[in-house]
PDB file of all heavy atoms in Angstrom:
ATOM      1  N   SER A   1      12.435   9.938   6.504  1.00  0.00           N
ATOM      2  CA  SER A   1      13.138   9.348   5.377  1.00  0.00           C
ATOM      3  C   SER A   1      13.597   7.923   5.652  1.00  0.00           C
ATOM      4  O   SER A   1      13.901   7.184   4.710  1.00  0.00           O
ATOM      5  CB  SER A   1      14.336  10.213   4.978  1.00  0.00           C
ATOM      6  OG  SER A   1      15.271  10.312   6.042  1.00  0.00           O
ATOM      7  N   SER A   2      13.645   7.530   6.913  1.00  0.00           N
ATOM      8  CA  SER A   2      14.061   6.179   7.268  1.00  0.00           C
ATOM      9  C   SER A   2      12.891   5.211   7.380  1.00  0.00           C
ATOM     10  O   SER A   2      13.101   4.020   7.615  1.00  0.00           O
ATOM     11  CB  SER A   2      14.836   6.183   8.584  1.00  0.00           C
ATOM     12  OG  SER A   2      13.988   6.463   9.682  1.00  0.00           O
ATOM     13  N   PHE A   3      11.675   5.703   7.216  1.00  0.00           N
ATOM     14  CA  PHE A   3      10.482   4.881   7.375  1.00  0.00           C
ATOM     15  C   PHE A   3       9.971   4.366   6.045  1.00  0.00           C
ATOM     16  O   PHE A   3       9.929   5.099   5.061  1.00  0.00           O
ATOM     17  CB  PHE A   3       9.349   5.672   8.025  1.00  0.00           C
ATOM     18  CG  PHE A   3       9.583   6.075   9.446  1.00  0.00           C
ATOM     19  CD1 PHE A   3       8.782   7.045  10.027  1.00  0.00           C
ATOM     20  CD2 PHE A   3      10.575   5.500  10.206  1.00  0.00           C
ATOM     21  CE1 PHE A   3       8.969   7.433  11.341  1.00  0.00           C
ATOM     22  CE2 PHE A   3      10.785   5.877  11.520  1.00  0.00           C
ATOM     23  CZ  PHE A   3       9.973   6.847  12.085  1.00  0.00           C
ATOM     24  N   ALA A   4       9.561   3.111   6.044  1.00  0.00           N
ATOM     25  CA  ALA A   4       8.700   2.642   4.978  1.00  0.00           C
ATOM     26  C   ALA A   4       7.281   3.096   5.283  1.00  0.00           C
ATOM     27  O   ALA A   4       6.856   3.110   6.433  1.00  0.00           O
ATOM     28  CB  ALA A   4       8.757   1.122   4.866  1.00  0.00           C
ATOM     29  N   ILE A   5       6.553   3.480   4.255  1.00  0.00           N
ATOM     30  CA  ILE A   5       5.187   3.988   4.399  1.00  0.00           C
ATOM     31  C   ILE A   5       4.244   3.060   3.658  1.00  0.00           C
ATOM     32  O   ILE A   5       4.547   2.620   2.548  1.00  0.00           O
ATOM     33  CB  ILE A   5       5.058   5.416   3.847  1.00  0.00           C
ATOM     34  CG1 ILE A   5       6.046   6.361   4.547  1.00  0.00           C
ATOM     35  CG2 ILE A   5       3.627   5.918   3.990  1.00  0.00           C
ATOM     36  CD1 ILE A   5       5.774   6.543   6.019  1.00  0.00           C
ATOM     37  N   ALA A   6       3.098   2.798   4.269  1.00  0.00           N
ATOM     38  CA  ALA A   6       2.116   1.919   3.646  1.00  0.00           C
ATOM     39  C   ALA A   6       0.716   2.460   3.847  1.00  0.00           C
ATOM     40  O   ALA A   6       0.467   3.284   4.728  1.00  0.00           O
ATOM     41  CB  ALA A   6       2.210   0.503   4.218  1.00  0.00           C
ATOM     42  N   TRP A   7      -0.171   1.982   3.005  1.00  0.00           N
ATOM     43  CA  TRP A   7      -1.594   2.256   3.140  1.00  0.00           C
ATOM     44  C   TRP A   7      -2.348   0.941   3.249  1.00  0.00           C
ATOM     45  O   TRP A   7      -2.105   0.011   2.471  1.00  0.00           O
ATOM     46  CB  TRP A   7      -2.131   3.054   1.953  1.00  0.00           C
ATOM     47  CG  TRP A   7      -1.599   4.449   1.886  1.00  0.00           C
ATOM     48  CD1 TRP A   7      -0.495   4.887   1.235  1.00  0.00           C
ATOM     49  CD2 TRP A   7      -2.183   5.604   2.501  1.00  0.00           C
ATOM     50  NE1 TRP A   7      -0.335   6.238   1.400  1.00  0.00           N
ATOM     51  CE2 TRP A   7      -1.360   6.710   2.181  1.00  0.00           C
ATOM     52  CE3 TRP A   7      -3.313   5.815   3.296  1.00  0.00           C
ATOM     53  CZ2 TRP A   7      -1.639   8.007   2.627  1.00  0.00           C
ATOM     54  CZ3 TRP A   7      -3.588   7.098   3.737  1.00  0.00           C
ATOM     55  CH2 TRP A   7      -2.750   8.169   3.404  1.00  0.00           C
ATOM     56  N   PHE A   8      -3.242   0.886   4.215  1.00  0.00           N
ATOM     57  CA  PHE A   8      -4.167  -0.218   4.386  1.00  0.00           C
ATOM     58  C   PHE A   8      -5.580   0.342   4.360  1.00  0.00           C
ATOM     59  O   PHE A   8      -5.787   1.541   4.534  1.00  0.00           O
ATOM     60  CB  PHE A   8      -3.922  -0.947   5.711  1.00  0.00           C
ATOM     61  CG  PHE A   8      -2.619  -1.697   5.767  1.00  0.00           C
ATOM     62  CD1 PHE A   8      -1.423  -1.036   5.984  1.00  0.00           C
ATOM     63  CD2 PHE A   8      -2.599  -3.074   5.602  1.00  0.00           C
ATOM     64  CE1 PHE A   8      -0.224  -1.727   6.036  1.00  0.00           C
ATOM     65  CE2 PHE A   8      -1.406  -3.774   5.658  1.00  0.00           C
ATOM     66  CZ  PHE A   8      -0.212  -3.106   5.872  1.00  0.00           C
ATOM     67  N   ARG A   9      -6.548  -0.526   4.155  1.00  0.00           N
ATOM     68  CA  ARG A   9      -7.935  -0.075   4.184  1.00  0.00           C
ATOM     69  C   ARG A   9      -8.820  -1.129   4.818  1.00  0.00           C
ATOM     70  O   ARG A   9      -8.495  -2.311   4.818  1.00  0.00           O
ATOM     71  CB  ARG A   9      -8.439   0.266   2.777  1.00  0.00           C
ATOM     72  CG  ARG A   9      -8.551  -0.925   1.841  1.00  0.00           C
ATOM     73  CD  ARG A   9      -8.889  -0.465   0.436  1.00  0.00           C
ATOM     74  NE  ARG A   9      -9.054  -1.582  -0.483  1.00  0.00           N
ATOM     75  CZ  ARG A   9      -9.229  -1.455  -1.787  1.00  0.00           C
ATOM     76  NH1 ARG A   9      -9.270  -0.243  -2.336  1.00  0.00           N
ATOM     77  NH2 ARG A   9      -9.381  -2.526  -2.552  1.00  0.00           N
ATOM     78  N   GLN A  10      -9.935  -0.673   5.352  1.00  0.00           N
ATOM     79  CA  GLN A  10     -10.892  -1.576   5.961  1.00  0.00           C
ATOM     80  C   GLN A  10     -12.298  -1.109   5.622  1.00  0.00           C
ATOM     81  O   GLN A  10     -12.692   0.003   5.970  1.00  0.00           O
ATOM     82  CB  GLN A  10     -10.709  -1.647   7.472  1.00  0.00           C
ATOM     83  CG  GLN A  10     -11.563  -2.712   8.130  1.00  0.00           C
ATOM     84  CD  GLN A  10     -11.120  -3.008   9.547  1.00  0.00           C
ATOM     85  OE1 GLN A  10     -10.503  -2.170  10.209  1.00  0.00           O
ATOM     86  NE2 GLN A  10     -11.422  -4.199  10.023  1.00  0.00           N
ATOM     87  N   ALA A  11     -13.023  -1.964   4.934  1.00  0.00           N
ATOM     88  CA  ALA A  11     -14.402  -1.695   4.574  1.00  0.00           C
ATOM     89  C   ALA A  11     -15.327  -2.288   5.629  1.00  0.00           C
ATOM     90  O   ALA A  11     -14.942  -3.220   6.345  1.00  0.00           O
ATOM     91  CB  ALA A  11     -14.719  -2.277   3.203  1.00  0.00           C
ATOM     92  N   PRO A  12     -16.546  -1.775   5.739  1.00  0.00           N
ATOM     93  CA  PRO A  12     -17.487  -2.326   6.716  1.00  0.00           C
ATOM     94  C   PRO A  12     -17.684  -3.822   6.532  1.00  0.00           C
ATOM     95  O   PRO A  12     -17.925  -4.297   5.422  1.00  0.00           O
ATOM     96  CB  PRO A  12     -18.779  -1.556   6.425  1.00  0.00           C
ATOM     97  CG  PRO A  12     -18.323  -0.274   5.833  1.00  0.00           C
ATOM     98  CD  PRO A  12     -17.119  -0.636   5.007  1.00  0.00           C
ATOM     99  N   GLY A  13     -17.562  -4.560   7.623  1.00  0.00           N
ATOM    100  CA  GLY A  13     -17.756  -5.991   7.586  1.00  0.00           C
ATOM    101  C   GLY A  13     -16.620  -6.786   6.981  1.00  0.00           C
ATOM    102  O   GLY A  13     -16.746  -8.004   6.813  1.00  0.00           O
ATOM    103  N   LYS A  14     -15.523  -6.132   6.651  1.00  0.00           N
ATOM    104  CA  LYS A  14     -14.391  -6.813   6.044  1.00  0.00           C
ATOM    105  C   LYS A  14     -13.140  -6.629   6.888  1.00  0.00           C
ATOM    106  O   LYS A  14     -13.055  -5.725   7.718  1.00  0.00           O
ATOM    107  CB  LYS A  14     -14.136  -6.294   4.627  1.00  0.00           C
ATOM    108  CG  LYS A  14     -15.278  -6.518   3.659  1.00  0.00           C
ATOM    109  CD  LYS A  14     -14.944  -6.026   2.267  1.00  0.00           C
ATOM    110  CE  LYS A  14     -13.818  -6.830   1.641  1.00  0.00           C
ATOM    111  NZ  LYS A  14     -13.538  -6.398   0.243  1.00  0.00           N
ATOM    112  N   GLU A  15     -12.176  -7.493   6.665  1.00  0.00           N
ATOM    113  CA  GLU A  15     -10.906  -7.396   7.360  1.00  0.00           C
ATOM    114  C   GLU A  15     -10.049  -6.292   6.756  1.00  0.00           C
ATOM    115  O   GLU A  15     -10.216  -5.906   5.594  1.00  0.00           O
ATOM    116  CB  GLU A  15     -10.158  -8.730   7.285  1.00  0.00           C
ATOM    117  CG  GLU A  15     -10.875  -9.886   7.959  1.00  0.00           C
ATOM    118  CD  GLU A  15     -10.108 -11.180   7.843  1.00  0.00           C
ATOM    119  OE1 GLU A  15      -9.033 -11.196   7.211  1.00  0.00           O
ATOM    120  OE2 GLU A  15     -10.577 -12.184   8.392  1.00  0.00           O
ATOM    121  N   ARG A  16      -9.134  -5.793   7.542  1.00  0.00           N
ATOM    122  CA  ARG A  16      -8.169  -4.831   7.043  1.00  0.00           C
ATOM    123  C   ARG A  16      -7.320  -5.475   5.957  1.00  0.00           C
ATOM    124  O   ARG A  16      -6.885  -6.621   6.097  1.00  0.00           O
ATOM    125  CB  ARG A  16      -7.275  -4.349   8.192  1.00  0.00           C
ATOM    126  CG  ARG A  16      -6.229  -3.322   7.781  1.00  0.00           C
ATOM    127  CD  ARG A  16      -5.346  -2.965   8.962  1.00  0.00           C
ATOM    128  NE  ARG A  16      -4.618  -4.128   9.448  1.00  0.00           N
ATOM    129  CZ  ARG A  16      -3.918  -4.165  10.567  1.00  0.00           C
ATOM    130  NH1 ARG A  16      -3.868  -3.087  11.351  1.00  0.00           N
ATOM    131  NH2 ARG A  16      -3.281  -5.273  10.926  1.00  0.00           N
ATOM    132  N   GLU A  17      -7.090  -4.753   4.886  1.00  0.00           N
ATOM    133  CA  GLU A  17      -6.305  -5.293   3.797  1.00  0.00           C
ATOM    134  C   GLU A  17      -5.231  -4.309   3.338  1.00  0.00           C
ATOM    135  O   GLU A  17      -5.398  -3.099   3.414  1.00  0.00           O
ATOM    136  CB  GLU A  17      -7.189  -5.686   2.613  1.00  0.00           C
ATOM    137  CG  GLU A  17      -7.899  -4.524   1.941  1.00  0.00           C
ATOM    138  CD  GLU A  17      -8.677  -4.936   0.705  1.00  0.00           C
ATOM    139  OE1 GLU A  17      -8.470  -6.063   0.205  1.00  0.00           O
ATOM    140  OE2 GLU A  17      -9.502  -4.133   0.233  1.00  0.00           O
ATOM    141  N   PHE A  18      -4.168  -4.871   2.846  1.00  0.00           N
ATOM    142  CA  PHE A  18      -3.061  -4.094   2.324  1.00  0.00           C
ATOM    143  C   PHE A  18      -3.443  -3.419   1.020  1.00  0.00           C
ATOM    144  O   PHE A  18      -4.132  -4.009   0.187  1.00  0.00           O
ATOM    145  CB  PHE A  18      -1.861  -5.013   2.109  1.00  0.00           C
ATOM    146  CG  PHE A  18      -0.742  -4.381   1.343  1.00  0.00           C
ATOM    147  CD1 PHE A  18       0.114  -3.478   1.945  1.00  0.00           C
ATOM    148  CD2 PHE A  18      -0.533  -4.703   0.015  1.00  0.00           C
ATOM    149  CE1 PHE A  18       1.155  -2.895   1.244  1.00  0.00           C
ATOM    150  CE2 PHE A  18       0.503  -4.135  -0.702  1.00  0.00           C
ATOM    151  CZ  PHE A  18       1.346  -3.226  -0.078  1.00  0.00           C
ATOM    152  N   VAL A  19      -2.978  -2.195   0.835  1.00  0.00           N
ATOM    153  CA  VAL A  19      -3.219  -1.457  -0.394  1.00  0.00           C
ATOM    154  C   VAL A  19      -1.912  -1.204  -1.146  1.00  0.00           C
ATOM    155  O   VAL A  19      -1.759  -1.601  -2.300  1.00  0.00           O
ATOM    156  CB  VAL A  19      -3.922  -0.116  -0.123  1.00  0.00           C
ATOM    157  CG1 VAL A  19      -4.107   0.668  -1.423  1.00  0.00           C
ATOM    158  CG2 VAL A  19      -5.267  -0.357   0.557  1.00  0.00           C
ATOM    159  N   ALA A  20      -0.961  -0.533  -0.493  1.00  0.00           N
ATOM    160  CA  ALA A  20       0.291  -0.178  -1.152  1.00  0.00           C
ATOM    161  C   ALA A  20       1.339   0.149  -0.110  1.00  0.00           C
ATOM    162  O   ALA A  20       1.023   0.523   1.020  1.00  0.00           O
ATOM    163  CB  ALA A  20       0.104   1.008  -2.098  1.00  0.00           C
ATOM    164  N   ALA A  21       2.607   0.026  -0.478  1.00  0.00           N
ATOM    165  CA  ALA A  21       3.713   0.376   0.404  1.00  0.00           C
ATOM    166  C   ALA A  21       4.872   0.893  -0.421  1.00  0.00           C
ATOM    167  O   ALA A  21       5.039   0.524  -1.593  1.00  0.00           O
ATOM    168  CB  ALA A  21       4.156  -0.828   1.234  1.00  0.00           C
ATOM    169  N   ILE A  22       5.682   1.744   0.197  1.00  0.00           N
ATOM    170  CA  ILE A  22       6.891   2.260  -0.432  1.00  0.00           C
ATOM    171  C   ILE A  22       7.996   2.259   0.606  1.00  0.00           C
ATOM    172  O   ILE A  22       7.793   2.656   1.745  1.00  0.00           O
ATOM    173  CB  ILE A  22       6.649   3.665  -1.036  1.00  0.00           C
ATOM    174  CG1 ILE A  22       7.865   4.129  -1.841  1.00  0.00           C
ATOM    175  CG2 ILE A  22       6.284   4.679   0.042  1.00  0.00           C
ATOM    176  CD1 ILE A  22       7.562   5.356  -2.697  1.00  0.00           C
ATOM    177  N   THR A  23       9.174   1.801   0.211  1.00  0.00           N
ATOM    178  CA  THR A  23      10.281   1.693   1.147  1.00  0.00           C
ATOM    179  C   THR A  23      10.900   3.050   1.438  1.00  0.00           C
ATOM    180  O   THR A  23      10.610   4.046   0.768  1.00  0.00           O
ATOM    181  CB  THR A  23      11.346   0.730   0.617  1.00  0.00           C
ATOM    182  OG1 THR A  23      11.802   1.182  -0.668  1.00  0.00           O
ATOM    183  CG2 THR A  23      10.785  -0.675   0.470  1.00  0.00           C
ATOM    184  N   TRP A  24      11.771   3.088   2.424  1.00  0.00           N
ATOM    185  CA  TRP A  24      12.348   4.355   2.881  1.00  0.00           C
ATOM    186  C   TRP A  24      13.113   5.079   1.794  1.00  0.00           C
ATOM    187  O   TRP A  24      13.141   6.306   1.764  1.00  0.00           O
ATOM    188  CB  TRP A  24      13.252   4.120   4.086  1.00  0.00           C
ATOM    189  CG  TRP A  24      14.491   3.330   3.768  1.00  0.00           C
ATOM    190  CD1 TRP A  24      14.645   1.980   3.826  1.00  0.00           C
ATOM    191  CD2 TRP A  24      15.751   3.862   3.342  1.00  0.00           C
ATOM    192  NE1 TRP A  24      15.920   1.627   3.459  1.00  0.00           N
ATOM    193  CE2 TRP A  24      16.621   2.769   3.161  1.00  0.00           C
ATOM    194  CE3 TRP A  24      16.227   5.156   3.104  1.00  0.00           C
ATOM    195  CZ2 TRP A  24      17.937   2.928   2.740  1.00  0.00           C
ATOM    196  CZ3 TRP A  24      17.543   5.313   2.682  1.00  0.00           C
ATOM    197  CH2 TRP A  24      18.379   4.211   2.508  1.00  0.00           C
ATOM    198  N   SER A  25      13.738   4.317   0.923  1.00  0.00           N
ATOM    199  CA  SER A  25      14.518   4.913  -0.155  1.00  0.00           C
ATOM    200  C   SER A  25      13.664   5.262  -1.369  1.00  0.00           C
ATOM    201  O   SER A  25      14.156   5.878  -2.303  1.00  0.00           O
ATOM    202  CB  SER A  25      15.623   3.957  -0.583  1.00  0.00           C
ATOM    203  OG  SER A  25      15.089   2.798  -1.181  1.00  0.00           O
ATOM    204  N   ALA A  26      12.396   4.866  -1.336  1.00  0.00           N
ATOM    205  CA  ALA A  26      11.479   5.009  -2.466  1.00  0.00           C
ATOM    206  C   ALA A  26      11.935   4.200  -3.668  1.00  0.00           C
ATOM    207  O   ALA A  26      11.455   4.417  -4.782  1.00  0.00           O
ATOM    208  CB  ALA A  26      11.287   6.474  -2.851  1.00  0.00           C
ATOM    209  N   GLY A  27      12.841   3.278  -3.423  1.00  0.00           N
ATOM    210  CA  GLY A  27      13.335   2.470  -4.511  1.00  0.00           C
ATOM    211  C   GLY A  27      12.437   1.306  -4.868  1.00  0.00           C
ATOM    212  O   GLY A  27      12.572   0.722  -5.948  1.00  0.00           O
ATOM    213  N   ASN A  28      11.542   0.956  -3.954  1.00  0.00           N
ATOM    214  CA  ASN A  28      10.640  -0.161  -4.175  1.00  0.00           C
ATOM    215  C   ASN A  28       9.241   0.200  -3.725  1.00  0.00           C
ATOM    216  O   ASN A  28       9.056   0.829  -2.679  1.00  0.00           O
ATOM    217  CB  ASN A  28      11.115  -1.396  -3.410  1.00  0.00           C
ATOM    218  CG  ASN A  28      12.423  -1.939  -3.952  1.00  0.00           C
ATOM    219  OD1 ASN A  28      12.472  -2.486  -5.047  1.00  0.00           O
ATOM    220  ND2 ASN A  28      13.488  -1.780  -3.179  1.00  0.00           N
ATOM    221  N   ALA A  29       8.278  -0.196  -4.508  1.00  0.00           N
ATOM    222  CA  ALA A  29       6.877  -0.008  -4.168  1.00  0.00           C
ATOM    223  C   ALA A  29       6.125  -1.306  -4.388  1.00  0.00           C
ATOM    224  O   ALA A  29       6.467  -2.094  -5.278  1.00  0.00           O
ATOM    225  CB  ALA A  29       6.256   1.114  -4.996  1.00  0.00           C
ATOM    226  N   TYR A  30       5.101  -1.518  -3.596  1.00  0.00           N
ATOM    227  CA  TYR A  30       4.327  -2.752  -3.651  1.00  0.00           C
ATOM    228  C   TYR A  30       2.847  -2.401  -3.647  1.00  0.00           C
ATOM    229  O   TYR A  30       2.422  -1.474  -2.958  1.00  0.00           O
ATOM    230  CB  TYR A  30       4.659  -3.646  -2.452  1.00  0.00           C
ATOM    231  CG  TYR A  30       6.137  -3.865  -2.280  1.00  0.00           C
ATOM    232  CD1 TYR A  30       6.884  -3.071  -1.421  1.00  0.00           C
ATOM    233  CD2 TYR A  30       6.792  -4.858  -3.000  1.00  0.00           C
ATOM    234  CE1 TYR A  30       8.247  -3.256  -1.279  1.00  0.00           C
ATOM    235  CE2 TYR A  30       8.158  -5.047  -2.865  1.00  0.00           C
ATOM    236  CZ  TYR A  30       8.880  -4.248  -2.005  1.00  0.00           C
ATOM    237  OH  TYR A  30      10.241  -4.438  -1.867  1.00  0.00           O
ATOM    238  N   TYR A  31       2.070  -3.165  -4.408  1.00  0.00           N
ATOM    239  CA  TYR A  31       0.646  -2.897  -4.540  1.00  0.00           C
ATOM    240  C   TYR A  31      -0.155  -4.175  -4.436  1.00  0.00           C
ATOM    241  O   TYR A  31       0.266  -5.233  -4.906  1.00  0.00           O
ATOM    242  CB  TYR A  31       0.337  -2.243  -5.885  1.00  0.00           C
ATOM    243  CG  TYR A  31       0.970  -0.892  -6.075  1.00  0.00           C
ATOM    244  CD1 TYR A  31       2.200  -0.761  -6.701  1.00  0.00           C
ATOM    245  CD2 TYR A  31       0.326   0.254  -5.633  1.00  0.00           C
ATOM    246  CE1 TYR A  31       2.783   0.481  -6.876  1.00  0.00           C
ATOM    247  CE2 TYR A  31       0.898   1.501  -5.806  1.00  0.00           C
ATOM    248  CZ  TYR A  31       2.133   1.608  -6.428  1.00  0.00           C
ATOM    249  OH  TYR A  31       2.706   2.850  -6.603  1.00  0.00           O
ATOM    250  N   ALA A  32      -1.323  -4.059  -3.828  1.00  0.00           N
ATOM    251  CA  ALA A  32      -2.275  -5.153  -3.885  1.00  0.00           C
ATOM    252  C   ALA A  32      -2.754  -5.325  -5.322  1.00  0.00           C
ATOM    253  O   ALA A  32      -2.867  -4.349  -6.072  1.00  0.00           O
ATOM    254  CB  ALA A  32      -3.462  -4.876  -2.969  1.00  0.00           C
ATOM    255  N   ASP A  33      -3.038  -6.549  -5.694  1.00  0.00           N
ATOM    256  CA  ASP A  33      -3.500  -6.810  -7.056  1.00  0.00           C
ATOM    257  C   ASP A  33      -4.766  -6.025  -7.389  1.00  0.00           C
ATOM    258  O   ASP A  33      -4.968  -5.621  -8.537  1.00  0.00           O
ATOM    259  CB  ASP A  33      -3.758  -8.303  -7.249  1.00  0.00           C
ATOM    260  CG  ASP A  33      -2.479  -9.120  -7.296  1.00  0.00           C
ATOM    261  OD1 ASP A  33      -1.403  -8.540  -7.538  1.00  0.00           O
ATOM    262  OD2 ASP A  33      -2.558 -10.342  -7.090  1.00  0.00           O
ATOM    263  N   SER A  34      -5.592  -5.792  -6.393  1.00  0.00           N
ATOM    264  CA  SER A  34      -6.862  -5.121  -6.617  1.00  0.00           C
ATOM    265  C   SER A  34      -6.714  -3.651  -7.001  1.00  0.00           C
ATOM    266  O   SER A  34      -7.649  -3.062  -7.546  1.00  0.00           O
ATOM    267  CB  SER A  34      -7.748  -5.236  -5.376  1.00  0.00           C
ATOM    268  OG  SER A  34      -7.125  -4.647  -4.251  1.00  0.00           O
ATOM    269  N   VAL A  35      -5.561  -3.055  -6.714  1.00  0.00           N
ATOM    270  CA  VAL A  35      -5.360  -1.639  -7.011  1.00  0.00           C
ATOM    271  C   VAL A  35      -4.236  -1.394  -8.000  1.00  0.00           C
ATOM    272  O   VAL A  35      -4.034  -0.242  -8.431  1.00  0.00           O
ATOM    273  CB  VAL A  35      -5.098  -0.823  -5.733  1.00  0.00           C
ATOM    274  CG1 VAL A  35      -6.201  -1.059  -4.717  1.00  0.00           C
ATOM    275  CG2 VAL A  35      -3.734  -1.160  -5.132  1.00  0.00           C
ATOM    276  N   LYS A  36      -3.516  -2.415  -8.369  1.00  0.00           N
ATOM    277  CA  LYS A  36      -2.382  -2.265  -9.274  1.00  0.00           C
ATOM    278  C   LYS A  36      -2.840  -1.664 -10.602  1.00  0.00           C
ATOM    279  O   LYS A  36      -3.822  -2.108 -11.196  1.00  0.00           O
ATOM    280  CB  LYS A  36      -1.705  -3.615  -9.493  1.00  0.00           C
ATOM    281  CG  LYS A  36      -0.357  -3.540 -10.183  1.00  0.00           C
ATOM    282  CD  LYS A  36       0.333  -4.903 -10.171  1.00  0.00           C
ATOM    283  CE  LYS A  36       0.642  -5.355  -8.754  1.00  0.00           C
ATOM    284  NZ  LYS A  36       1.371  -6.659  -8.725  1.00  0.00           N
ATOM    285  N   GLY A  37      -2.121  -0.653 -11.031  1.00  0.00           N
ATOM    286  CA  GLY A  37      -2.470   0.035 -12.257  1.00  0.00           C
ATOM    287  C   GLY A  37      -3.423   1.189 -12.059  1.00  0.00           C
ATOM    288  O   GLY A  37      -3.597   2.010 -12.978  1.00  0.00           O
ATOM    289  N   ARG A  38      -4.047   1.283 -10.895  1.00  0.00           N
ATOM    290  CA  ARG A  38      -4.980   2.369 -10.603  1.00  0.00           C
ATOM    291  C   ARG A  38      -4.459   3.314  -9.523  1.00  0.00           C
ATOM    292  O   ARG A  38      -4.712   4.512  -9.571  1.00  0.00           O
ATOM    293  CB  ARG A  38      -6.329   1.810 -10.157  1.00  0.00           C
ATOM    294  CG  ARG A  38      -7.006   0.937 -11.196  1.00  0.00           C
ATOM    295  CD  ARG A  38      -8.437   0.593 -10.775  1.00  0.00           C
ATOM    296  NE  ARG A  38      -8.473  -0.185  -9.540  1.00  0.00           N
ATOM    297  CZ  ARG A  38      -9.089   0.201  -8.424  1.00  0.00           C
ATOM    298  NH1 ARG A  38      -9.735   1.362  -8.387  1.00  0.00           N
ATOM    299  NH2 ARG A  38      -9.094  -0.580  -7.354  1.00  0.00           N
ATOM    300  N   PHE A  39      -3.768   2.762  -8.543  1.00  0.00           N
ATOM    301  CA  PHE A  39      -3.249   3.555  -7.437  1.00  0.00           C
ATOM    302  C   PHE A  39      -1.742   3.711  -7.574  1.00  0.00           C
ATOM    303  O   PHE A  39      -1.062   2.840  -8.124  1.00  0.00           O
ATOM    304  CB  PHE A  39      -3.540   2.889  -6.092  1.00  0.00           C
ATOM    305  CG  PHE A  39      -4.987   2.844  -5.700  1.00  0.00           C
ATOM    306  CD1 PHE A  39      -6.004   3.211  -6.562  1.00  0.00           C
ATOM    307  CD2 PHE A  39      -5.331   2.421  -4.418  1.00  0.00           C
ATOM    308  CE1 PHE A  39      -7.334   3.165  -6.187  1.00  0.00           C
ATOM    309  CE2 PHE A  39      -6.657   2.364  -4.024  1.00  0.00           C
ATOM    310  CZ  PHE A  39      -7.663   2.735  -4.905  1.00  0.00           C
ATOM    311  N   ALA A  40      -1.218   4.797  -7.038  1.00  0.00           N
ATOM    312  CA  ALA A  40       0.218   5.031  -7.028  1.00  0.00           C
ATOM    313  C   ALA A  40       0.631   5.612  -5.685  1.00  0.00           C
ATOM    314  O   ALA A  40       0.055   6.603  -5.227  1.00  0.00           O
ATOM    315  CB  ALA A  40       0.629   5.970  -8.156  1.00  0.00           C
ATOM    316  N   ILE A  41       1.608   4.989  -5.057  1.00  0.00           N
ATOM    317  CA  ILE A  41       2.114   5.467  -3.780  1.00  0.00           C
ATOM    318  C   ILE A  41       3.394   6.263  -4.023  1.00  0.00           C
ATOM    319  O   ILE A  41       4.197   5.927  -4.896  1.00  0.00           O
ATOM    320  CB  ILE A  41       2.354   4.302  -2.799  1.00  0.00           C
ATOM    321  CG1 ILE A  41       2.672   4.831  -1.403  1.00  0.00           C
ATOM    322  CG2 ILE A  41       3.446   3.364  -3.302  1.00  0.00           C
ATOM    323  CD1 ILE A  41       2.654   3.752  -0.329  1.00  0.00           C
TER     324      ILE A  41
END
C-alpha cells in the first residue's frame, strides 16, 4: 500500500517506454499519451 506501481513496456528494437503509473494512495494516475483512453491502471 505504500508503493507506487507502474507499467513499462519494451518492444523488439525499441527502448523501454512508460505506460502507466498509480500512486500509493491511488489518488493519482498517469498515462502515456499513446495509451490514454485505452488503458486503465
